[in-house]
Amino acid sequence: MALTFELDPSFTPALRDGITALWADVTNAGGAVGFVPPVTPEEIRPDLLKHLAAMEQGRVRLLVGRDEDGSVAATAFLSLNEHRLLRHWLMLYTVMVHPRLQGQGCGRELMAAAADAARSIEGIEAIRLTCRGGTGADRFYAACGYKEVGRVPDAIRVAPGDDIIMLLPLGGPATP
C-alpha cells in the first residue's frame, strides 16, 4: 500500500485524533515511541500538544502519511536545532507506521519522505535520530541509509538496550 505524505498539514481535530490513535496503536504493539504499554490516546494527547506548541513556534515540522482512505497511517517529527552551530542538521523522532502496515514497505516510504522533507528545508545537511537497541530498529534505519555514529549504554530504562545514535547525510552542504 502506498501512502500519501504531507509536510506541515493543517492541524485539525481529526488530525490530532488520528495521530493520538496511531501513537497509542504503535505503543501498544510494542513500538519504542516514548510510552510504555498499555496506553490510551488520552494519555498521549499532552505529549502531542507539546509537539503542537513547538510546531507553532517553528521549531518542529510534522510529516504525516495517509492511507488510501485518508486515515493517518504514519508520522515523523522533524526537530530543527536552534543553536547556530547545529542548524545544519535536524532530529527525526516519533517515527511511526501503523502496525497493520508494517512489513509492507511503508516504513521505507516514510523514511524516504522524511529525507525529502529535510532536503526541502534550507541549510539542512543531515538527519539524526536515536533508537533503542535490542528492538531491530537500528537494522531498519541502516537499511534506509542511516549510519550508527554512537551509543549510550542503558540510556533508556524501559528494557535492556543502548540508545543508538544514527545519522543520514543528505548529500553534501545544503545551499544557504
N, C-alpha and C. Protein backbone atom coordinates (compact mmCIF):
# COMPACT_ATOMS: atom_id res chain seq x y z
N MET A 1 0.85 -1.18 0.00
CA MET A 1 0.00 0.00 0.00
C MET A 1 0.89 1.23 0.00
N ALA A 2 0.65 2.11 -0.92
CA ALA A 2 1.40 3.36 -0.97
C ALA A 2 0.71 4.41 -0.11
N LEU A 3 1.51 5.14 0.62
CA LEU A 3 0.99 6.23 1.45
C LEU A 3 1.18 7.56 0.73
N THR A 4 0.37 8.52 1.10
CA THR A 4 0.50 9.89 0.60
C THR A 4 1.03 10.73 1.75
N PHE A 5 2.14 11.42 1.52
CA PHE A 5 2.79 12.18 2.59
C PHE A 5 2.56 13.67 2.42
N GLU A 6 2.47 14.35 3.56
CA GLU A 6 2.31 15.80 3.58
C GLU A 6 3.15 16.36 4.72
N LEU A 7 3.93 17.37 4.40
CA LEU A 7 4.73 18.08 5.40
C LEU A 7 3.93 19.29 5.87
N ASP A 8 3.85 19.46 7.17
CA ASP A 8 3.15 20.60 7.78
C ASP A 8 1.68 20.69 7.38
N PRO A 9 0.91 19.61 7.57
CA PRO A 9 -0.51 19.69 7.24
C PRO A 9 -1.23 20.61 8.22
N SER A 10 -2.41 21.07 7.84
CA SER A 10 -3.24 21.86 8.76
C SER A 10 -3.58 20.97 9.95
N PHE A 11 -3.39 21.52 11.12
CA PHE A 11 -3.60 20.72 12.33
C PHE A 11 -5.06 20.86 12.76
N THR A 12 -5.85 19.86 12.41
CA THR A 12 -7.27 19.84 12.70
C THR A 12 -7.56 18.88 13.85
N PRO A 13 -8.75 18.93 14.43
CA PRO A 13 -9.11 17.93 15.44
C PRO A 13 -9.01 16.50 14.89
N ALA A 14 -9.38 16.30 13.62
CA ALA A 14 -9.29 14.96 13.03
C ALA A 14 -7.83 14.50 12.95
N LEU A 15 -6.92 15.41 12.58
CA LEU A 15 -5.51 15.05 12.53
C LEU A 15 -4.99 14.75 13.94
N ARG A 16 -5.35 15.59 14.90
CA ARG A 16 -4.95 15.34 16.29
C ARG A 16 -5.41 13.96 16.74
N ASP A 17 -6.67 13.63 16.49
CA ASP A 17 -7.20 12.34 16.91
C ASP A 17 -6.53 11.19 16.16
N GLY A 18 -6.24 11.40 14.88
CA GLY A 18 -5.56 10.36 14.11
C GLY A 18 -4.16 10.08 14.61
N ILE A 19 -3.44 11.15 14.95
CA ILE A 19 -2.07 10.96 15.47
C ILE A 19 -2.09 10.29 16.84
N THR A 20 -2.98 10.72 17.73
CA THR A 20 -3.01 10.11 19.06
C THR A 20 -3.42 8.64 18.97
N ALA A 21 -4.36 8.31 18.09
CA ALA A 21 -4.76 6.91 17.92
C ALA A 21 -3.59 6.09 17.36
N LEU A 22 -2.90 6.64 16.35
CA LEU A 22 -1.73 5.95 15.78
C LEU A 22 -0.68 5.72 16.85
N TRP A 23 -0.38 6.77 17.63
CA TRP A 23 0.65 6.69 18.66
C TRP A 23 0.30 5.61 19.69
N ALA A 24 -0.96 5.55 20.08
CA ALA A 24 -1.39 4.51 21.03
C ALA A 24 -1.27 3.13 20.40
N ASP A 25 -1.71 2.98 19.16
CA ASP A 25 -1.63 1.68 18.50
C ASP A 25 -0.19 1.21 18.35
N VAL A 26 0.71 2.11 17.96
CA VAL A 26 2.12 1.76 17.80
C VAL A 26 2.72 1.38 19.15
N THR A 27 2.44 2.17 20.18
CA THR A 27 2.96 1.87 21.52
C THR A 27 2.46 0.52 22.00
N ASN A 28 1.17 0.30 21.87
CA ASN A 28 0.57 -0.94 22.38
C ASN A 28 0.99 -2.17 21.59
N ALA A 29 1.51 -1.97 20.38
CA ALA A 29 2.06 -3.07 19.59
C ALA A 29 3.54 -3.29 19.89
N GLY A 30 4.09 -2.52 20.85
CA GLY A 30 5.49 -2.70 21.24
C GLY A 30 6.45 -1.70 20.66
N GLY A 31 5.95 -0.70 19.95
CA GLY A 31 6.82 0.32 19.36
C GLY A 31 7.48 1.18 20.42
N ALA A 32 8.74 1.54 20.18
CA ALA A 32 9.51 2.37 21.11
C ALA A 32 9.35 3.83 20.71
N VAL A 33 8.21 4.42 21.11
CA VAL A 33 7.90 5.79 20.72
C VAL A 33 7.53 6.66 21.93
N GLY A 34 8.20 6.40 23.06
CA GLY A 34 8.09 7.30 24.20
C GLY A 34 7.13 6.92 25.30
N PHE A 35 6.39 5.85 25.14
CA PHE A 35 5.45 5.41 26.17
C PHE A 35 5.64 3.93 26.43
N VAL A 36 5.17 3.49 27.59
CA VAL A 36 5.19 2.07 27.95
C VAL A 36 3.75 1.57 27.86
N PRO A 37 3.52 0.47 27.14
CA PRO A 37 2.15 -0.03 27.02
C PRO A 37 1.67 -0.64 28.35
N PRO A 38 0.38 -0.68 28.56
CA PRO A 38 -0.68 -0.17 27.68
C PRO A 38 -0.86 1.33 27.87
N VAL A 39 -1.31 1.98 26.80
CA VAL A 39 -1.51 3.42 26.82
C VAL A 39 -2.76 3.74 26.00
N THR A 40 -3.42 4.83 26.34
CA THR A 40 -4.61 5.27 25.62
C THR A 40 -4.29 6.57 24.88
N PRO A 41 -5.08 6.90 23.87
CA PRO A 41 -4.88 8.19 23.19
C PRO A 41 -4.95 9.37 24.17
N GLU A 42 -5.79 9.28 25.17
CA GLU A 42 -5.91 10.38 26.14
C GLU A 42 -4.62 10.58 26.92
N GLU A 43 -3.89 9.51 27.18
CA GLU A 43 -2.60 9.63 27.88
C GLU A 43 -1.53 10.23 26.98
N ILE A 44 -1.68 10.07 25.69
CA ILE A 44 -0.70 10.57 24.72
C ILE A 44 -0.95 12.04 24.39
N ARG A 45 -2.19 12.46 24.44
CA ARG A 45 -2.57 13.80 23.99
C ARG A 45 -1.70 14.92 24.57
N PRO A 46 -1.34 14.93 25.88
CA PRO A 46 -0.49 16.02 26.40
C PRO A 46 0.86 16.10 25.69
N ASP A 47 1.45 14.97 25.33
CA ASP A 47 2.72 15.00 24.60
C ASP A 47 2.53 15.56 23.19
N LEU A 48 1.43 15.18 22.55
CA LEU A 48 1.16 15.71 21.22
C LEU A 48 0.95 17.22 21.28
N LEU A 49 0.30 17.69 22.32
CA LEU A 49 0.09 19.14 22.46
C LEU A 49 1.41 19.88 22.64
N LYS A 50 2.38 19.25 23.31
CA LYS A 50 3.72 19.85 23.42
C LYS A 50 4.37 19.95 22.03
N HIS A 51 4.19 18.90 21.22
CA HIS A 51 4.72 18.93 19.85
C HIS A 51 4.03 20.05 19.07
N LEU A 52 2.73 20.19 19.25
CA LEU A 52 1.98 21.22 18.54
C LEU A 52 2.50 22.61 18.91
N ALA A 53 2.78 22.83 20.18
CA ALA A 53 3.32 24.13 20.61
C ALA A 53 4.66 24.40 19.92
N ALA A 54 5.50 23.39 19.84
CA ALA A 54 6.80 23.54 19.16
C ALA A 54 6.60 23.78 17.67
N MET A 55 5.58 23.15 17.09
CA MET A 55 5.28 23.38 15.67
C MET A 55 4.84 24.82 15.45
N GLU A 56 4.01 25.33 16.33
CA GLU A 56 3.53 26.70 16.20
C GLU A 56 4.68 27.71 16.34
N GLN A 57 5.72 27.34 17.10
CA GLN A 57 6.88 28.20 17.27
C GLN A 57 7.89 28.04 16.13
N GLY A 58 7.64 27.11 15.21
CA GLY A 58 8.53 26.90 14.08
C GLY A 58 9.74 26.06 14.40
N ARG A 59 9.74 25.39 15.55
CA ARG A 59 10.89 24.56 15.95
C ARG A 59 10.76 23.12 15.48
N VAL A 60 9.54 22.70 15.16
CA VAL A 60 9.27 21.31 14.77
C VAL A 60 8.38 21.31 13.54
N ARG A 61 8.65 20.38 12.63
CA ARG A 61 7.82 20.18 11.44
C ARG A 61 7.21 18.78 11.55
N LEU A 62 6.00 18.63 11.05
CA LEU A 62 5.28 17.36 11.11
C LEU A 62 5.14 16.79 9.71
N LEU A 63 5.50 15.52 9.57
CA LEU A 63 5.29 14.78 8.34
C LEU A 63 4.23 13.72 8.62
N VAL A 64 3.16 13.71 7.84
CA VAL A 64 2.06 12.77 8.02
C VAL A 64 1.90 11.93 6.76
N GLY A 65 1.76 10.63 6.95
CA GLY A 65 1.45 9.72 5.85
C GLY A 65 0.02 9.23 6.03
N ARG A 66 -0.74 9.31 4.95
CA ARG A 66 -2.14 8.86 4.99
C ARG A 66 -2.32 7.67 4.04
N ASP A 67 -3.21 6.77 4.46
CA ASP A 67 -3.52 5.62 3.61
C ASP A 67 -4.54 6.02 2.56
N GLU A 68 -4.98 5.07 1.75
CA GLU A 68 -5.90 5.40 0.66
C GLU A 68 -7.25 5.91 1.14
N ASP A 69 -7.60 5.65 2.40
CA ASP A 69 -8.84 6.17 2.97
C ASP A 69 -8.67 7.56 3.57
N GLY A 70 -7.43 8.06 3.58
CA GLY A 70 -7.16 9.37 4.17
C GLY A 70 -6.88 9.32 5.66
N SER A 71 -6.81 8.12 6.22
CA SER A 71 -6.52 7.98 7.65
C SER A 71 -5.03 8.16 7.92
N VAL A 72 -4.70 8.70 9.09
CA VAL A 72 -3.31 8.85 9.49
C VAL A 72 -2.72 7.46 9.70
N ALA A 73 -1.70 7.14 8.91
CA ALA A 73 -1.10 5.82 8.95
C ALA A 73 0.38 5.86 9.32
N ALA A 74 0.99 7.05 9.27
CA ALA A 74 2.42 7.18 9.58
C ALA A 74 2.70 8.64 9.94
N THR A 75 3.69 8.83 10.81
CA THR A 75 4.12 10.18 11.15
C THR A 75 5.60 10.18 11.49
N ALA A 76 6.16 11.36 11.39
CA ALA A 76 7.50 11.63 11.89
C ALA A 76 7.57 13.12 12.20
N PHE A 77 8.30 13.45 13.25
CA PHE A 77 8.51 14.86 13.61
C PHE A 77 9.95 15.21 13.30
N LEU A 78 10.15 16.37 12.69
CA LEU A 78 11.47 16.86 12.34
C LEU A 78 11.74 18.06 13.23
N SER A 79 12.69 17.93 14.12
CA SER A 79 13.01 18.98 15.09
C SER A 79 14.23 19.76 14.62
N LEU A 80 14.04 21.06 14.44
CA LEU A 80 15.12 21.93 13.98
C LEU A 80 15.97 22.36 15.17
N ASN A 81 17.25 22.48 14.96
CA ASN A 81 18.15 22.94 16.00
C ASN A 81 18.14 24.46 16.08
N GLU A 82 18.05 24.98 17.27
CA GLU A 82 18.04 26.42 17.46
C GLU A 82 19.45 27.00 17.60
N HIS A 83 20.38 26.20 18.08
CA HIS A 83 21.74 26.70 18.27
C HIS A 83 22.41 26.92 16.92
N ARG A 84 23.02 28.07 16.74
CA ARG A 84 23.60 28.45 15.45
C ARG A 84 24.66 27.48 14.95
N LEU A 85 25.33 26.74 15.82
CA LEU A 85 26.36 25.80 15.39
C LEU A 85 25.79 24.44 15.00
N LEU A 86 24.51 24.24 15.23
CA LEU A 86 23.89 22.94 14.95
C LEU A 86 22.77 23.02 13.92
N ARG A 87 22.56 24.17 13.33
CA ARG A 87 21.41 24.37 12.44
C ARG A 87 21.51 23.61 11.12
N HIS A 88 22.63 22.96 10.85
CA HIS A 88 22.81 22.24 9.59
C HIS A 88 22.26 20.81 9.63
N TRP A 89 21.77 20.37 10.76
CA TRP A 89 21.13 19.06 10.83
C TRP A 89 19.87 19.17 11.68
N LEU A 90 18.98 18.21 11.49
CA LEU A 90 17.77 18.16 12.30
C LEU A 90 17.62 16.79 12.91
N MET A 91 16.74 16.70 13.90
CA MET A 91 16.48 15.46 14.62
C MET A 91 15.14 14.90 14.17
N LEU A 92 15.12 13.64 13.82
CA LEU A 92 13.89 12.95 13.45
C LEU A 92 13.45 12.11 14.64
N TYR A 93 12.20 12.27 15.04
CA TYR A 93 11.74 11.49 16.20
C TYR A 93 10.26 11.17 16.09
N THR A 94 9.80 10.27 16.98
CA THR A 94 8.44 9.76 16.99
C THR A 94 8.06 9.31 15.58
N VAL A 95 8.89 8.45 15.05
CA VAL A 95 8.71 7.87 13.72
C VAL A 95 7.78 6.67 13.88
N MET A 96 6.60 6.74 13.23
CA MET A 96 5.60 5.70 13.45
C MET A 96 4.92 5.29 12.15
N VAL A 97 4.71 3.99 12.01
CA VAL A 97 3.88 3.42 10.95
C VAL A 97 2.88 2.51 11.65
N HIS A 98 1.62 2.59 11.26
CA HIS A 98 0.60 1.77 11.92
C HIS A 98 0.99 0.30 11.84
N PRO A 99 0.81 -0.44 12.93
CA PRO A 99 1.19 -1.86 12.95
C PRO A 99 0.57 -2.69 11.83
N ARG A 100 -0.64 -2.36 11.38
CA ARG A 100 -1.27 -3.13 10.31
C ARG A 100 -0.55 -2.98 8.97
N LEU A 101 0.30 -1.94 8.87
CA LEU A 101 1.01 -1.68 7.62
C LEU A 101 2.48 -2.07 7.67
N GLN A 102 2.95 -2.47 8.82
CA GLN A 102 4.37 -2.80 8.94
C GLN A 102 4.67 -4.06 8.14
N GLY A 103 5.86 -4.07 7.55
CA GLY A 103 6.27 -5.18 6.71
C GLY A 103 5.81 -5.06 5.27
N GLN A 104 5.20 -3.91 4.91
CA GLN A 104 4.70 -3.70 3.56
C GLN A 104 5.47 -2.59 2.82
N GLY A 105 6.57 -2.13 3.40
CA GLY A 105 7.37 -1.10 2.75
C GLY A 105 6.97 0.32 3.14
N CYS A 106 5.97 0.47 3.99
CA CYS A 106 5.52 1.81 4.38
C CYS A 106 6.56 2.54 5.23
N GLY A 107 7.31 1.79 6.04
CA GLY A 107 8.36 2.41 6.84
C GLY A 107 9.44 3.02 5.96
N ARG A 108 9.83 2.30 4.93
CA ARG A 108 10.83 2.83 3.98
C ARG A 108 10.28 4.04 3.25
N GLU A 109 8.98 4.00 2.89
CA GLU A 109 8.35 5.17 2.26
C GLU A 109 8.41 6.37 3.19
N LEU A 110 8.10 6.14 4.46
CA LEU A 110 8.14 7.23 5.45
C LEU A 110 9.54 7.80 5.57
N MET A 111 10.54 6.94 5.64
CA MET A 111 11.91 7.42 5.80
C MET A 111 12.37 8.19 4.55
N ALA A 112 11.97 7.74 3.37
CA ALA A 112 12.32 8.47 2.15
C ALA A 112 11.61 9.83 2.13
N ALA A 113 10.34 9.86 2.55
CA ALA A 113 9.61 11.13 2.60
C ALA A 113 10.23 12.06 3.63
N ALA A 114 10.71 11.53 4.74
CA ALA A 114 11.35 12.36 5.77
C ALA A 114 12.65 12.95 5.21
N ALA A 115 13.42 12.16 4.47
CA ALA A 115 14.65 12.68 3.87
C ALA A 115 14.33 13.76 2.85
N ASP A 116 13.29 13.55 2.05
CA ASP A 116 12.88 14.58 1.07
C ASP A 116 12.43 15.85 1.79
N ALA A 117 11.68 15.69 2.88
CA ALA A 117 11.22 16.85 3.65
C ALA A 117 12.42 17.61 4.21
N ALA A 118 13.39 16.88 4.75
CA ALA A 118 14.58 17.53 5.32
C ALA A 118 15.36 18.28 4.24
N ARG A 119 15.46 17.68 3.06
CA ARG A 119 16.17 18.33 1.95
C ARG A 119 15.47 19.63 1.52
N SER A 120 14.18 19.72 1.76
CA SER A 120 13.43 20.92 1.37
C SER A 120 13.60 22.08 2.36
N ILE A 121 14.25 21.80 3.47
CA ILE A 121 14.45 22.83 4.49
C ILE A 121 15.82 23.45 4.28
N GLU A 122 15.85 24.74 4.09
CA GLU A 122 17.08 25.45 3.77
C GLU A 122 18.16 25.20 4.82
N GLY A 123 19.34 24.84 4.35
CA GLY A 123 20.51 24.69 5.21
C GLY A 123 20.68 23.32 5.86
N ILE A 124 19.73 22.41 5.69
CA ILE A 124 19.82 21.10 6.35
C ILE A 124 20.69 20.17 5.52
N GLU A 125 21.71 19.59 6.17
CA GLU A 125 22.66 18.70 5.52
C GLU A 125 22.56 17.25 5.99
N ALA A 126 21.89 17.03 7.13
CA ALA A 126 21.83 15.67 7.67
C ALA A 126 20.63 15.52 8.60
N ILE A 127 20.24 14.26 8.79
CA ILE A 127 19.18 13.90 9.74
C ILE A 127 19.81 13.01 10.80
N ARG A 128 19.50 13.30 12.03
CA ARG A 128 19.97 12.48 13.15
C ARG A 128 18.74 11.89 13.82
N LEU A 129 18.87 10.66 14.29
CA LEU A 129 17.80 10.04 15.07
C LEU A 129 18.43 9.12 16.10
N THR A 130 17.64 8.75 17.08
CA THR A 130 18.08 7.75 18.05
C THR A 130 17.04 6.65 18.09
N CYS A 131 17.50 5.46 18.42
CA CYS A 131 16.59 4.34 18.59
C CYS A 131 17.12 3.44 19.71
N ARG A 132 16.23 2.68 20.27
CA ARG A 132 16.61 1.79 21.37
C ARG A 132 17.18 0.50 20.80
N GLY A 133 18.34 0.13 21.28
CA GLY A 133 18.95 -1.12 20.88
C GLY A 133 18.11 -2.31 21.33
N GLY A 134 18.26 -3.42 20.64
CA GLY A 134 17.55 -4.62 21.01
C GLY A 134 16.16 -4.72 20.40
N THR A 135 15.76 -3.71 19.63
CA THR A 135 14.42 -3.72 19.01
C THR A 135 14.48 -4.05 17.52
N GLY A 136 15.66 -4.00 16.93
CA GLY A 136 15.79 -4.19 15.50
C GLY A 136 15.64 -2.91 14.70
N ALA A 137 15.26 -1.83 15.39
CA ALA A 137 15.08 -0.55 14.69
C ALA A 137 16.37 -0.09 14.05
N ASP A 138 17.52 -0.33 14.69
CA ASP A 138 18.79 0.11 14.12
C ASP A 138 19.06 -0.57 12.78
N ARG A 139 18.69 -1.83 12.64
CA ARG A 139 18.87 -2.53 11.36
C ARG A 139 17.95 -1.92 10.29
N PHE A 140 16.72 -1.59 10.68
CA PHE A 140 15.80 -0.95 9.74
C PHE A 140 16.37 0.38 9.26
N TYR A 141 16.80 1.23 10.20
CA TYR A 141 17.33 2.55 9.82
C TYR A 141 18.60 2.41 8.98
N ALA A 142 19.44 1.43 9.30
CA ALA A 142 20.64 1.20 8.49
C ALA A 142 20.25 0.82 7.06
N ALA A 143 19.21 0.03 6.91
CA ALA A 143 18.74 -0.35 5.57
C ALA A 143 18.20 0.87 4.81
N CYS A 144 17.84 1.91 5.54
CA CYS A 144 17.35 3.15 4.92
C CYS A 144 18.48 4.15 4.69
N GLY A 145 19.74 3.73 4.94
CA GLY A 145 20.89 4.58 4.65
C GLY A 145 21.52 5.26 5.85
N TYR A 146 20.94 5.10 7.03
CA TYR A 146 21.49 5.73 8.23
C TYR A 146 22.70 4.95 8.72
N LYS A 147 23.66 5.66 9.28
CA LYS A 147 24.88 5.05 9.83
C LYS A 147 24.89 5.27 11.34
N GLU A 148 25.28 4.23 12.06
CA GLU A 148 25.44 4.38 13.51
C GLU A 148 26.64 5.27 13.77
N VAL A 149 26.45 6.29 14.63
CA VAL A 149 27.55 7.18 14.96
C VAL A 149 27.83 7.21 16.46
N GLY A 150 27.05 6.49 17.25
CA GLY A 150 27.32 6.44 18.68
C GLY A 150 26.28 5.63 19.44
N ARG A 151 26.65 5.32 20.70
CA ARG A 151 25.76 4.59 21.59
C ARG A 151 25.89 5.15 23.00
N VAL A 152 24.78 5.15 23.70
CA VAL A 152 24.78 5.48 25.12
C VAL A 152 24.24 4.25 25.83
N PRO A 153 25.10 3.51 26.52
CA PRO A 153 24.66 2.28 27.16
C PRO A 153 23.57 2.53 28.21
N ASP A 154 22.54 1.70 28.14
CA ASP A 154 21.45 1.71 29.13
C ASP A 154 20.87 3.11 29.36
N ALA A 155 20.77 3.91 28.33
CA ALA A 155 20.29 5.29 28.48
C ALA A 155 18.80 5.36 28.78
N ILE A 156 18.04 4.39 28.28
CA ILE A 156 16.59 4.40 28.48
C ILE A 156 16.22 3.24 29.38
N ARG A 157 15.51 3.51 30.44
CA ARG A 157 15.17 2.48 31.41
C ARG A 157 13.80 1.88 31.16
N VAL A 158 13.61 1.31 29.97
CA VAL A 158 12.36 0.64 29.63
C VAL A 158 12.63 -0.85 29.51
N ALA A 159 13.69 -1.17 28.80
CA ALA A 159 14.10 -2.55 28.57
C ALA A 159 15.60 -2.52 28.33
N PRO A 160 16.27 -3.66 28.45
CA PRO A 160 17.70 -3.67 28.18
C PRO A 160 18.00 -3.19 26.76
N GLY A 161 19.07 -2.43 26.65
CA GLY A 161 19.48 -1.96 25.34
C GLY A 161 20.08 -0.58 25.41
N ASP A 162 20.87 -0.27 24.42
CA ASP A 162 21.53 1.03 24.35
C ASP A 162 20.66 2.01 23.57
N ASP A 163 20.93 3.28 23.76
CA ASP A 163 20.36 4.33 22.93
C ASP A 163 21.34 4.48 21.77
N ILE A 164 20.90 4.16 20.57
CA ILE A 164 21.77 4.17 19.40
C ILE A 164 21.53 5.46 18.62
N ILE A 165 22.60 6.18 18.33
CA ILE A 165 22.53 7.44 17.60
C ILE A 165 22.90 7.15 16.15
N MET A 166 22.03 7.57 15.23
CA MET A 166 22.24 7.30 13.81
C MET A 166 22.14 8.59 13.01
N LEU A 167 22.84 8.64 11.87
CA LEU A 167 22.90 9.84 11.07
C LEU A 167 22.75 9.49 9.59
N LEU A 168 21.98 10.33 8.88
CA LEU A 168 21.84 10.21 7.44
C LEU A 168 22.31 11.51 6.80
N PRO A 169 23.51 11.52 6.19
CA PRO A 169 23.94 12.71 5.45
C PRO A 169 23.04 12.84 4.21
N LEU A 170 22.69 14.07 3.88
CA LEU A 170 21.75 14.31 2.78
C LEU A 170 22.44 14.69 1.48
N GLY A 171 23.73 14.40 1.37
CA GLY A 171 24.40 14.62 0.10
C GLY A 171 25.16 15.92 0.00
N GLY A 172 25.89 16.27 1.02
CA GLY A 172 26.73 17.46 0.95
C GLY A 172 26.04 18.69 1.53
N PRO A 173 26.78 19.77 1.56
CA PRO A 173 26.25 21.00 2.16
C PRO A 173 25.02 21.48 1.41
N ALA A 174 24.03 21.88 2.18
CA ALA A 174 22.82 22.45 1.59
C ALA A 174 23.10 23.87 1.15
N THR A 175 22.35 24.33 0.21
CA THR A 175 22.53 25.69 -0.28
C THR A 175 21.89 26.68 0.69
N PRO A 176 22.66 27.66 1.15
CA PRO A 176 22.07 28.64 2.08
C PRO A 176 21.12 29.58 1.38
